[in-house]
Structures are given as structure tokens and as C-alpha cells.
C-alpha atoms as a PDB file:
ATOM      1  CA  MET A   1     -87.028  18.467-195.149  1.00  0.00           C
ATOM      2  CA  GLY A   2     -83.937  20.444-196.225  1.00  0.00           C
ATOM      3  CA  ILE A   3     -81.670  22.097-194.505  1.00  0.00           C
ATOM      4  CA  GLU A   4     -82.756  25.228-193.577  1.00  0.00           C
ATOM      5  CA  HIS A   5     -85.895  23.381-191.961  1.00  0.00           C
ATOM      6  CA  ALA A   6     -84.349  21.661-190.439  1.00  0.00           C
ATOM      7  CA  ALA A   7     -82.052  24.441-188.752  1.00  0.00           C
ATOM      8  CA  ILE A   8     -85.488  26.420-187.915  1.00  0.00           C
ATOM      9  CA  LEU A   9     -86.370  23.483-185.880  1.00  0.00           C
ATOM     10  CA  LYS A  10     -83.574  23.003-184.007  1.00  0.00           C
ATOM     11  CA  ILE A  11     -83.326  26.832-183.736  1.00  0.00           C
ATOM     12  CA  LEU A  12     -86.874  27.476-182.296  1.00  0.00           C
ATOM     13  CA  PHE A  13     -86.491  23.832-180.225  1.00  0.00           C
ATOM     14  CA  ALA A  14     -83.608  25.718-178.316  1.00  0.00           C
ATOM     15  CA  LEU A  15     -85.791  28.915-178.267  1.00  0.00           C
ATOM     16  CA  SER A  16     -88.732  27.729-176.626  1.00  0.00           C
ATOM     17  CA  LEU A  17     -86.222  26.036-173.966  1.00  0.00           C
ATOM     18  CA  PHE A  18     -84.722  28.913-173.142  1.00  0.00           C
ATOM     19  CA  ALA A  19     -88.170  30.743-172.908  1.00  0.00           C
ATOM     20  CA  SER A  20     -89.358  27.902-170.546  1.00  0.00           C
ATOM     21  CA  VAL A  21     -86.578  28.243-168.212  1.00  0.00           C
ATOM     22  CA  PRO A  22     -87.862  30.603-165.254  1.00  0.00           C
ATOM     23  CA  TRP A  23     -91.173  28.655-165.505  1.00  0.00           C
ATOM     24  CA  LEU A  24     -89.040  25.620-164.925  1.00  0.00           C
ATOM     25  CA  PHE A  25     -87.217  27.157-161.670  1.00  0.00           C
ATOM     26  CA  ALA A  26     -90.643  28.536-160.527  1.00  0.00           C
ATOM     27  CA  VAL A  27     -91.800  24.612-160.478  1.00  0.00           C
ATOM     28  CA  GLY A  28     -89.192  23.203-159.157  1.00  0.00           C
ATOM     29  CA  LYS A  29     -88.879  26.262-155.916  1.00  0.00           C
ATOM     30  CA  LEU A  30     -92.382  25.362-155.282  1.00  0.00           C
ATOM     31  CA  VAL A  31     -91.463  21.361-155.531  1.00  0.00           C
ATOM     32  CA  GLY A  32     -88.334  21.991-153.435  1.00  0.00           C
ATOM     33  CA  ARG A  33     -90.798  23.746-150.376  1.00  0.00           C
ATOM     34  CA  ALA A  34     -93.446  21.143-150.614  1.00  0.00           C
ATOM     35  CA  LEU A  35     -91.104  18.825-150.052  1.00  0.00           C
ATOM     36  CA  VAL A  36     -89.125  20.354-147.440  1.00  0.00           C
ATOM     37  CA  LEU A  37     -92.602  20.652-146.084  1.00  0.00           C
ATOM     38  CA  TYR A  38     -93.974  17.246-145.678  1.00  0.00           C
ATOM     39  CA  PHE A  39     -90.430  15.985-144.476  1.00  0.00           C
ATOM     40  CA  HIS A  40     -90.420  18.377-141.909  1.00  0.00           C
ATOM     41  CA  PRO A  41     -93.615  19.205-140.825  1.00  0.00           C
ATOM     42  CA  VAL A  42     -93.969  22.737-138.748  1.00  0.00           C
ATOM     43  CA  THR A  43     -94.939  21.621-135.520  1.00  0.00           C
ATOM     44  CA  GLU A  44     -94.302  24.789-132.873  1.00  0.00           C
ATOM     45  CA  VAL A  45     -94.478  28.497-133.398  1.00  0.00           C
ATOM     46  CA  THR A  46     -91.723  30.983-132.329  1.00  0.00           C
ATOM     47  CA  LEU A  47     -94.004  34.538-130.724  1.00  0.00           C
ATOM     48  CA  GLU A  48     -91.928  37.292-129.336  1.00  0.00           C
ATOM     49  CA  ILE A  49     -95.285  39.307-128.010  1.00  0.00           C
ATOM     50  CA  GLU A  50     -94.783  42.538-126.372  1.00  0.00           C
ATOM     51  CA  ASP A  51     -97.454  43.466-123.491  1.00  0.00           C
ATOM     52  CA  GLU A  52     -98.590  46.665-122.178  1.00  0.00           C
ATOM     53  CA  ASN A  53     -95.804  47.085-120.256  1.00  0.00           C
ATOM     54  CA  GLY A  54     -93.351  46.652-123.300  1.00  0.00           C
ATOM     55  CA  GLU A  55     -91.887  43.999-121.918  1.00  0.00           C
ATOM     56  CA  VAL A  56     -90.692  41.247-124.526  1.00  0.00           C
ATOM     57  CA  GLU A  57     -91.613  38.129-124.124  1.00  0.00           C
ATOM     58  CA  THR A  58     -90.658  34.658-126.720  1.00  0.00           C
ATOM     59  CA  ARG A  59     -93.203  32.009-126.564  1.00  0.00           C
ATOM     60  CA  THR A  60     -92.857  28.565-127.888  1.00  0.00           C
ATOM     61  CA  ILE A  61     -96.791  27.356-128.707  1.00  0.00           C
ATOM     62  CA  LYS A  62     -97.492  23.826-130.240  1.00  0.00           C
ATOM     63  CA  VAL A  63     -99.104  24.359-133.883  1.00  0.00           C
ATOM     64  CA  SER A  64    -101.680  21.843-132.826  1.00  0.00           C
ATOM     65  CA  ASN A  65    -103.233  23.368-129.899  1.00  0.00           C
ATOM     66  CA  SER A  66    -104.699  26.320-132.393  1.00  0.00           C
ATOM     67  CA  SER A  67    -106.312  27.866-129.219  1.00  0.00           C
ATOM     68  CA  ASP A  68    -103.533  28.444-127.064  1.00  0.00           C
ATOM     69  CA  LEU A  69    -102.078  30.174-130.156  1.00  0.00           C
ATOM     70  CA  ALA A  70    -105.026  31.832-131.228  1.00  0.00           C
ATOM     71  CA  GLN A  71    -105.533  33.052-127.798  1.00  0.00           C
ATOM     72  CA  ASN A  72    -101.731  34.226-127.647  1.00  0.00           C
ATOM     73  CA  LEU A  73    -102.022  36.244-131.032  1.00  0.00           C
ATOM     74  CA  LEU A  74    -105.136  38.014-130.010  1.00  0.00           C
ATOM     75  CA  LYS A  75    -103.746  38.804-126.164  1.00  0.00           C
ATOM     76  CA  ALA A  76    -100.830  40.513-127.841  1.00  0.00           C
ATOM     77  CA  LYS A  77    -100.233  44.024-127.997  1.00  0.00           C
ATOM     78  CA  ARG A  78     -98.076  43.578-130.749  1.00  0.00           C
ATOM     79  CA  ILE A  79     -96.068  40.638-132.465  1.00  0.00           C
ATOM     80  CA  VAL A  80     -92.311  41.814-132.520  1.00  0.00           C
ATOM     81  CA  GLY A  81     -91.441  40.373-136.184  1.00  0.00           C
ATOM     82  CA  HIS A  82     -87.568  38.883-136.773  1.00  0.00           C
ATOM     83  CA  ASP A  83     -85.271  41.121-139.101  1.00  0.00           C
END
């Protein structure tokens, strides 16, 4: 293998490594989110619900109580989001 071949292989290796950086970033982000959800799972949901009178009420509902969560979501006229 001559000097030219070794240089070309090094350049190709560097380019392929550079091209894989966005993929590595995306995979790292997904793994990080999975680790956060594993060690700090979501147990409660806080809803700001606007009723028929226009009053906004804040309710904290446990995720394990799915029937209560579904009832509050279906009963609400509008769910106010956070900006």
C-alpha cells in the first residue's frame, strides 16, 4: 500500500466520521431522554383546565389513576397550555 492509498484511506475515514456526527448526536439525545425517563419517571400530570365559566383551575392528577385522568380530559372545555 503506497503513501497515496494510506492518505486516501485516512481522508475517507475522517469524512465518514464527520458525516456520522449528526447521527451520533441524535442517538445520544435519545439515549439521554430514555435514561431520564427511567430514573425520573413521570408520576403526576398538572392540567390547567378552563371550565364553562372561563375560570382556569389547576389540577394535579396521578398517571396511575387513568380513569380520573380521562374523565378530567374529557370533561374540560379547553386545556390551557404552557408557553
